[in-house]
Amino acid sequence: MKCRAKREMKNTQQITMKNGRPATQGVCPVCGTKMFKIGKS
């Protein structure tokens, strides 16, 4: 179950989506769910 709270990600990595846009993927430090943020950061 996702906690859906806005938190800082841990184990972040910069990725590029299929359409070429940048994104950041990481893990929630509390529940361990995958988190995803579109855009450069």
Protein backbone atom coordinates (compact mmCIF):
# COMPACT_ATOMS: atom_id res chain seq x y z
CA MET A 1 0.00 0.00 0.00
CA LYS A 2 1.36 3.40 -0.93
CA CYS A 3 1.46 6.09 1.74
CA ARG A 4 1.10 8.82 -0.97
CA ALA A 5 2.84 11.45 1.17
CA LYS A 6 5.25 13.93 -0.40
CA ARG A 7 8.68 13.05 0.93
CA GLU A 8 12.30 13.19 -0.12
CA MET A 9 13.26 10.14 -2.16
CA LYS A 10 16.19 7.94 -1.32
CA ASN A 11 18.29 5.91 -3.80
CA THR A 12 17.46 8.45 -6.51
CA GLN A 13 18.57 8.01 -10.08
CA GLN A 14 18.16 10.26 -13.10
CA ILE A 15 16.43 8.49 -15.98
CA THR A 16 15.08 9.41 -19.41
CA MET A 17 11.55 8.40 -20.32
CA LYS A 18 10.63 6.85 -23.69
CA ASN A 19 9.62 10.24 -25.07
CA GLY A 20 13.01 11.73 -24.14
CA ARG A 21 11.93 13.77 -21.11
CA PRO A 22 14.05 13.62 -17.96
CA ALA A 23 12.69 12.12 -14.75
CA THR A 24 13.83 11.07 -11.29
CA GLN A 25 13.08 7.65 -9.85
CA GLY A 26 13.59 6.65 -6.23
CA VAL A 27 12.18 4.88 -3.19
CA CYS A 28 10.05 6.18 -0.31
CA PRO A 29 12.13 6.08 2.91
CA VAL A 30 9.09 5.14 5.03
CA CYS A 31 7.11 2.53 3.10
CA GLY A 32 9.64 1.46 0.44
CA THR A 33 7.32 2.20 -2.50
CA LYS A 34 8.75 3.32 -5.84
CA MET A 35 8.48 7.09 -6.34
CA PHE A 36 8.66 8.94 -9.65
CA LYS A 37 9.02 12.64 -10.43
CA ILE A 38 8.83 13.98 -13.97
CA GLY A 39 11.12 16.87 -14.88
CA LYS A 40 14.69 17.84 -14.21
CA SER A 41 15.67 18.04 -10.55
